[in-house]
């Protein structure tokens, strides 16, 4: 005998799952309290890292029906949702999503719907990447500096002149200790100083 399960998820403790249960029941699904799995976890977590969802999968048997109100209840993105549905299909569990008109995602129509959603998601990712790269090229063309701010605690122009002048008496390690940074940072500052000599440094 098949049973109907409902998976209701919220992201924060301030939210409640009551509206999801009501929406599922209003769609004509009869729910028994012990077959309603509720969980509070971020939507960014993939389905295989959601404790409540994993317990649900262990309870599902062939012929059972799993109902969710939205796709994000099944995974963090289109790829994760698709993998979850395919996993449930191998257990002969039907998956209904109310946001898609209650279609069974394991059916032919449901699989086609998931393929379209995955294609749209991939298109949006590609479009976002394209816009990001375009923005980077535009910023570089305008001479803007990209990346994280420099972590060098001292400026080349204010650094001790001995950094740029080769001397067997200049100790880069001592300078690093003075400025509370690493020797490698001092050497980077030295290399950035204008007019420094390219001779070898005895104490490097």
C-alpha atoms as a PDB file:
ATOM      1  CA  UNK A   1       0.000   0.000   0.000  1.00  0.00           C
ATOM      2  CA  UNK A   2       1.393   3.377  -1.013  1.00  0.00           C
ATOM      3  CA  UNK A   3       1.565   6.319   1.348  1.00  0.00           C
ATOM      4  CA  UNK A   4       1.766  10.059   0.878  1.00  0.00           C
ATOM      5  CA  UNK A   5       4.667  11.902   2.494  1.00  0.00           C
ATOM      6  CA  UNK A   6       5.216  15.643   2.670  1.00  0.00           C
ATOM      7  CA  UNK A   7       8.569  17.344   3.053  1.00  0.00           C
ATOM      8  CA  UNK A   8       8.288  20.868   4.413  1.00  0.00           C
ATOM      9  CA  UNK A   9      11.396  22.988   4.816  1.00  0.00           C
ATOM     10  CA  UNK A  10      12.054  26.475   6.166  1.00  0.00           C
ATOM     11  CA  UNK A  11      15.339  28.365   6.295  1.00  0.00           C
ATOM     12  CA  UNK A  12      15.083  30.036   9.710  1.00  0.00           C
ATOM     13  CA  UNK A  13      13.543  29.267  13.085  1.00  0.00           C
ATOM     14  CA  UNK A  14      11.281  32.315  12.719  1.00  0.00           C
ATOM     15  CA  UNK A  15       9.486  30.673   9.786  1.00  0.00           C
ATOM     16  CA  UNK A  16       6.819  27.979  10.058  1.00  0.00           C
ATOM     17  CA  UNK A  17       5.824  25.087   7.831  1.00  0.00           C
ATOM     18  CA  UNK A  18       2.081  25.274   8.502  1.00  0.00           C
ATOM     19  CA  UNK A  19       1.373  27.092   5.237  1.00  0.00           C
ATOM     20  CA  UNK A  20       3.184  24.378   3.277  1.00  0.00           C
ATOM     21  CA  UNK A  21       1.097  21.654   4.910  1.00  0.00           C
ATOM     22  CA  UNK A  22      -2.090  23.573   4.170  1.00  0.00           C
ATOM     23  CA  UNK A  23      -1.096  24.082   0.544  1.00  0.00           C
ATOM     24  CA  UNK A  24      -0.448  20.366   0.085  1.00  0.00           C
ATOM     25  CA  UNK A  25      -3.759  19.393   1.673  1.00  0.00           C
ATOM     26  CA  UNK A  26      -5.595  22.019  -0.402  1.00  0.00           C
ATOM     27  CA  UNK A  27      -4.187  20.332  -3.514  1.00  0.00           C
ATOM     28  CA  UNK A  28      -6.049  17.157  -2.570  1.00  0.00           C
ATOM     29  CA  UNK A  29      -3.329  15.128  -0.871  1.00  0.00           C
ATOM     30  CA  UNK A  30      -4.338  13.417   2.362  1.00  0.00           C
ATOM     31  CA  UNK A  31      -1.586  13.699   4.937  1.00  0.00           C
ATOM     32  CA  UNK A  32      -1.084  11.786   8.155  1.00  0.00           C
ATOM     33  CA  UNK A  33       0.823  13.654  10.833  1.00  0.00           C
ATOM     34  CA  UNK A  34       3.574  11.063  11.190  1.00  0.00           C
ATOM     35  CA  UNK A  35       4.272  11.256   7.457  1.00  0.00           C
ATOM     36  CA  UNK A  36       4.956  14.987   7.456  1.00  0.00           C
ATOM     37  CA  UNK A  37       8.674  15.668   7.677  1.00  0.00           C
ATOM     38  CA  UNK A  38       9.536  19.206   8.733  1.00  0.00           C
ATOM     39  CA  UNK A  39      13.008  20.659   8.742  1.00  0.00           C
ATOM     40  CA  UNK A  40      14.703  23.989   9.425  1.00  0.00           C
ATOM     41  CA  UNK A  41      17.829  24.254   7.281  1.00  0.00           C
ATOM     42  CA  UNK A  42      19.230  26.677   4.725  1.00  0.00           C
ATOM     43  CA  UNK A  43      18.239  26.167   1.105  1.00  0.00           C
ATOM     44  CA  UNK A  44      21.930  26.368   0.200  1.00  0.00           C
ATOM     45  CA  UNK A  45      22.449  22.917   1.738  1.00  0.00           C
ATOM     46  CA  UNK A  46      22.245  20.092  -0.821  1.00  0.00           C
ATOM     47  CA  UNK A  47      19.652  17.406  -0.232  1.00  0.00           C
ATOM     48  CA  UNK A  48      22.243  14.835   0.872  1.00  0.00           C
ATOM     49  CA  UNK A  49      23.264  17.155   3.722  1.00  0.00           C
ATOM     50  CA  UNK A  50      19.759  17.668   5.119  1.00  0.00           C
ATOM     51  CA  UNK A  51      19.254  15.330   8.099  1.00  0.00           C
ATOM     52  CA  UNK A  52      15.467  15.449   7.940  1.00  0.00           C
ATOM     53  CA  UNK A  53      15.381  14.712   4.234  1.00  0.00           C
ATOM     54  CA  UNK A  54      17.773  11.792   4.640  1.00  0.00           C
ATOM     55  CA  UNK A  55      15.517  10.314   7.340  1.00  0.00           C
ATOM     56  CA  UNK A  56      12.596  10.738   4.955  1.00  0.00           C
ATOM     57  CA  UNK A  57      14.336   8.794   2.191  1.00  0.00           C
ATOM     58  CA  UNK A  58      14.978   5.931   4.607  1.00  0.00           C
ATOM     59  CA  UNK A  59      11.243   5.740   5.308  1.00  0.00           C
ATOM     60  CA  UNK A  60      10.061   5.858   1.712  1.00  0.00           C
ATOM     61  CA  UNK A  61       9.048   2.584   0.064  1.00  0.00           C
ATOM     62  CA  UNK A  62       8.278   1.652  -3.556  1.00  0.00           C
ATOM     63  CA  UNK A  63       4.940   3.115  -4.623  1.00  0.00           C
ATOM     64  CA  UNK A  64       4.999   5.958  -2.096  1.00  0.00           C
ATOM     65  CA  UNK A  65       4.362   9.569  -3.077  1.00  0.00           C
ATOM     66  CA  UNK A  66       6.454  12.532  -1.927  1.00  0.00           C
ATOM     67  CA  UNK A  67       4.875  15.984  -2.161  1.00  0.00           C
ATOM     68  CA  UNK A  68       6.656  19.332  -1.912  1.00  0.00           C
ATOM     69  CA  UNK A  69       5.385  22.836  -2.513  1.00  0.00           C
ATOM     70  CA  UNK A  70       8.457  24.126  -4.373  1.00  0.00           C
ATOM     71  CA  UNK A  71      11.488  22.700  -6.159  1.00  0.00           C
ATOM     72  CA  UNK A  72      13.954  24.195  -3.691  1.00  0.00           C
ATOM     73  CA  UNK A  73      12.568  21.799  -1.087  1.00  0.00           C
ATOM     74  CA  UNK A  74      14.301  19.020  -3.054  1.00  0.00           C
ATOM     75  CA  UNK A  75      17.747  20.592  -3.481  1.00  0.00           C
ATOM     76  CA  UNK A  76      19.823  23.735  -3.618  1.00  0.00           C
ATOM     77  CA  UNK A  77      19.859  24.081  -7.417  1.00  0.00           C
ATOM     78  CA  UNK A  78      18.537  22.512 -10.607  1.00  0.00           C
ATOM     79  CA  UNK A  79      21.311  19.906 -10.748  1.00  0.00           C
ATOM     80  CA  UNK A  80      20.774  18.883  -7.138  1.00  0.00           C
ATOM     81  CA  UNK A  81      17.002  18.653  -7.628  1.00  0.00           C
ATOM     82  CA  UNK A  82      17.431  16.493 -10.700  1.00  0.00           C
ATOM     83  CA  UNK A  83      19.814  14.139  -8.885  1.00  0.00           C
ATOM     84  CA  UNK A  84      17.370  13.883  -5.970  1.00  0.00           C
ATOM     85  CA  UNK A  85      14.434  13.066  -8.232  1.00  0.00           C
ATOM     86  CA  UNK A  86      16.469  10.439 -10.077  1.00  0.00           C
ATOM     87  CA  UNK A  87      17.462   8.910  -6.750  1.00  0.00           C
ATOM     88  CA  UNK A  88      13.849   8.737  -5.634  1.00  0.00           C
ATOM     89  CA  UNK A  89      12.820   7.285  -8.984  1.00  0.00           C
ATOM     90  CA  UNK A  90      15.212   4.371  -8.468  1.00  0.00           C
ATOM     91  CA  UNK A  91      13.256   3.661  -5.269  1.00  0.00           C
ATOM     92  CA  UNK A  92      10.021   3.808  -7.322  1.00  0.00           C
ATOM     93  CA  UNK A  93       8.857   6.876  -5.431  1.00  0.00           C
ATOM     94  CA  UNK A  94       6.769   9.464  -7.260  1.00  0.00           C
ATOM     95  CA  UNK A  95       7.559  13.120  -6.594  1.00  0.00           C
ATOM     96  CA  UNK A  96       4.941  15.854  -6.956  1.00  0.00           C
ATOM     97  CA  UNK A  97       5.763  19.573  -6.935  1.00  0.00           C
ATOM     98  CA  UNK A  98       2.816  21.922  -6.432  1.00  0.00           C
ATOM     99  CA  UNK A  99       4.662  24.930  -7.864  1.00  0.00           C
ATOM    100  CA  UNK A 100       4.778  23.082 -11.204  1.00  0.00           C
ATOM    101  CA  UNK A 101       1.083  22.291 -11.227  1.00  0.00           C
ATOM    102  CA  UNK A 102       1.439  19.141  -9.162  1.00  0.00           C
ATOM    103  CA  UNK A 103       3.240  17.297 -11.949  1.00  0.00           C
ATOM    104  CA  UNK A 104       4.945  14.023 -11.063  1.00  0.00           C
ATOM    105  CA  UNK A 105       8.628  14.784 -11.617  1.00  0.00           C
ATOM    106  CA  UNK A 106       9.410  11.115 -12.245  1.00  0.00           C
ATOM    107  CA  UNK A 107       6.973  10.979 -15.183  1.00  0.00           C
ATOM    108  CA  UNK A 108       7.897  11.774 -18.784  1.00  0.00           C
ATOM    109  CA  UNK A 109       6.329  15.231 -18.510  1.00  0.00           C
ATOM    110  CA  UNK A 110       8.067  15.836 -15.191  1.00  0.00           C
ATOM    111  CA  UNK A 111      11.472  14.829 -16.551  1.00  0.00           C
ATOM    112  CA  UNK A 112      11.009  17.173 -19.493  1.00  0.00           C
ATOM    113  CA  UNK A 113      10.113  19.977 -17.093  1.00  0.00           C
ATOM    114  CA  UNK A 114      13.298  19.345 -15.087  1.00  0.00           C
ATOM    115  CA  UNK A 115      15.377  19.367 -18.268  1.00  0.00           C
ATOM    116  CA  UNK A 116      13.925  22.742 -19.234  1.00  0.00           C
ATOM    117  CA  UNK A 117      14.575  24.122 -15.748  1.00  0.00           C
ATOM    118  CA  UNK A 118      18.158  22.820 -15.806  1.00  0.00           C
ATOM    119  CA  UNK A 119      18.713  24.370 -19.246  1.00  0.00           C
ATOM    120  CA  UNK A 120      17.381  27.734 -18.077  1.00  0.00           C
ATOM    121  CA  UNK A 121      19.561  27.581 -14.948  1.00  0.00           C
ATOM    122  CA  UNK A 122      22.641  26.836 -17.061  1.00  0.00           C
ATOM    123  CA  UNK A 123      21.757  29.714 -19.394  1.00  0.00           C
ATOM    124  CA  UNK A 124      21.461  32.090 -16.431  1.00  0.00           C
ATOM    125  CA  UNK A 125      24.844  30.952 -15.068  1.00  0.00           C
ATOM    126  CA  UNK A 126      26.490  31.462 -18.452  1.00  0.00           C
ATOM    127  CA  UNK A 127      24.872  34.883 -18.778  1.00  0.00           C
ATOM    128  CA  UNK A 128      26.065  35.875 -15.304  1.00  0.00           C
ATOM    129  CA  UNK A 129      29.607  34.711 -16.081  1.00  0.00           C
ATOM    130  CA  UNK A 130      29.569  36.628 -19.339  1.00  0.00           C
ATOM    131  CA  UNK A 131      28.449  39.814 -17.580  1.00  0.00           C
ATOM    132  CA  UNK A 132      31.077  39.322 -14.896  1.00  0.00           C
ATOM    133  CA  UNK A 133      33.882  38.902 -17.429  1.00  0.00           C
ATOM    134  CA  UNK A 134      32.618  41.907 -19.374  1.00  0.00           C
ATOM    135  CA  UNK A 135      32.658  43.987 -16.191  1.00  0.00           C
ATOM    136  CA  UNK A 136      36.212  42.874 -15.421  1.00  0.00           C
ATOM    137  CA  UNK A 137      37.426  43.813 -18.908  1.00  0.00           C
ATOM    138  CA  UNK A 138      35.709  47.193 -18.654  1.00  0.00           C
ATOM    139  CA  UNK A 139      37.250  47.873 -15.229  1.00  0.00           C
ATOM    140  CA  UNK A 140      40.709  46.966 -16.473  1.00  0.00           C
ATOM    141  CA  UNK A 141      40.292  49.196 -19.504  1.00  0.00           C
ATOM    142  CA  UNK A 142      39.471  52.049 -17.115  1.00  0.00           C
ATOM    143  CA  UNK A 143      42.625  51.361 -15.125  1.00  0.00           C
ATOM    144  CA  UNK A 144      40.833  50.106 -12.026  1.00  0.00           C
ATOM    145  CA  UNK A 145      42.663  47.747  -9.726  1.00  0.00           C
ATOM    146  CA  UNK A 146      40.907  44.418  -9.235  1.00  0.00           C
ATOM    147  CA  UNK A 147      41.134  41.840  -6.500  1.00  0.00           C
ATOM    148  CA  UNK A 148      41.462  42.091  -2.759  1.00  0.00           C
ATOM    149  CA  UNK A 149      43.145  45.114  -1.182  1.00  0.00           C
ATOM    150  CA  UNK A 150      46.843  44.734  -0.604  1.00  0.00           C
ATOM    151  CA  UNK A 151      47.778  43.285   2.772  1.00  0.00           C
ATOM    152  CA  UNK A 152      51.196  44.942   2.755  1.00  0.00           C
ATOM    153  CA  UNK A 153      51.252  47.021   5.985  1.00  0.00           C
ATOM    154  CA  UNK A 154      53.773  49.562   4.670  1.00  0.00           C
ATOM    155  CA  UNK A 155      54.022  51.601   1.513  1.00  0.00           C
ATOM    156  CA  UNK A 156      57.129  51.419  -0.672  1.00  0.00           C
ATOM    157  CA  UNK A 157      57.667  55.177  -0.555  1.00  0.00           C
ATOM    158  CA  UNK A 158      57.615  55.257   3.255  1.00  0.00           C
ATOM    159  CA  UNK A 159      59.692  52.133   3.795  1.00  0.00           C
ATOM    160  CA  UNK A 160      63.193  52.267   5.128  1.00  0.00           C
ATOM    161  CA  UNK A 161      65.564  53.213   2.284  1.00  0.00           C
ATOM    162  CA  UNK A 162      67.763  50.268   3.108  1.00  0.00           C
ATOM    163  CA  UNK A 163      65.110  47.972   1.668  1.00  0.00           C
ATOM    164  CA  UNK A 164      65.833  49.214  -1.836  1.00  0.00           C
ATOM    165  CA  UNK A 165      69.576  49.654  -1.433  1.00  0.00           C
ATOM    166  CA  UNK A 166      71.709  46.500  -1.472  1.00  0.00           C
ATOM    167  CA  UNK A 167      73.831  46.314   1.605  1.00  0.00           C
ATOM    168  CA  UNK A 168      75.445  43.489   3.459  1.00  0.00           C
ATOM    169  CA  UNK A 169      74.413  45.308   6.672  1.00  0.00           C
ATOM    170  CA  UNK A 170      70.699  45.545   5.905  1.00  0.00           C
ATOM    171  CA  UNK A 171      68.665  42.790   7.558  1.00  0.00           C
ATOM    172  CA  UNK A 172      65.278  42.179   5.911  1.00  0.00           C
ATOM    173  CA  UNK A 173      64.227  39.920   8.753  1.00  0.00           C
ATOM    174  CA  UNK A 174      64.761  42.703  11.263  1.00  0.00           C
ATOM    175  CA  UNK A 175      62.737  45.048   9.076  1.00  0.00           C
ATOM    176  CA  UNK A 176      59.945  42.484   8.909  1.00  0.00           C
ATOM    177  CA  UNK A 177      59.935  42.297  12.689  1.00  0.00           C
ATOM    178  CA  UNK A 178      59.869  46.088  12.947  1.00  0.00           C
ATOM    179  CA  UNK A 179      56.787  46.351  10.739  1.00  0.00           C
ATOM    180  CA  UNK A 180      55.145  43.241  12.228  1.00  0.00           C
ATOM    181  CA  UNK A 181      54.990  41.438   8.908  1.00  0.00           C
ATOM    182  CA  UNK A 182      56.797  38.668   7.043  1.00  0.00           C
ATOM    183  CA  UNK A 183      60.171  38.761   5.351  1.00  0.00           C
ATOM    184  CA  UNK A 184      58.460  37.886   2.059  1.00  0.00           C
ATOM    185  CA  UNK A 185      56.289  40.992   2.408  1.00  0.00           C
ATOM    186  CA  UNK A 186      59.366  43.150   2.956  1.00  0.00           C
ATOM    187  CA  UNK A 187      60.902  41.699  -0.196  1.00  0.00           C
ATOM    188  CA  UNK A 188      57.726  42.468  -2.161  1.00  0.00           C
ATOM    189  CA  UNK A 189      57.822  46.033  -0.875  1.00  0.00           C
ATOM    190  CA  UNK A 190      61.474  46.236  -1.881  1.00  0.00           C
ATOM    191  CA  UNK A 191      60.691  45.035  -5.394  1.00  0.00           C
ATOM    192  CA  UNK A 192      57.929  47.648  -5.730  1.00  0.00           C
ATOM    193  CA  UNK A 193      60.125  50.578  -4.742  1.00  0.00           C
ATOM    194  CA  UNK A 194      61.008  52.910  -7.613  1.00  0.00           C
ATOM    195  CA  UNK A 195      64.644  53.069  -8.666  1.00  0.00           C
ATOM    196  CA  UNK A 196      65.833  50.180  -6.583  1.00  0.00           C
ATOM    197  CA  UNK A 197      69.046  48.561  -7.734  1.00  0.00           C
ATOM    198  CA  UNK A 198      68.918  45.093  -9.229  1.00  0.00           C
ATOM    199  CA  UNK A 199      72.117  43.912  -7.566  1.00  0.00           C
ATOM    200  CA  UNK A 200      72.021  40.743  -5.561  1.00  0.00           C
ATOM    201  CA  UNK A 201      71.147  41.097  -1.891  1.00  0.00           C
ATOM    202  CA  UNK A 202      73.609  39.534   0.423  1.00  0.00           C
ATOM    203  CA  UNK A 203      71.104  38.954   3.247  1.00  0.00           C
ATOM    204  CA  UNK A 204      68.240  37.620   1.151  1.00  0.00           C
END
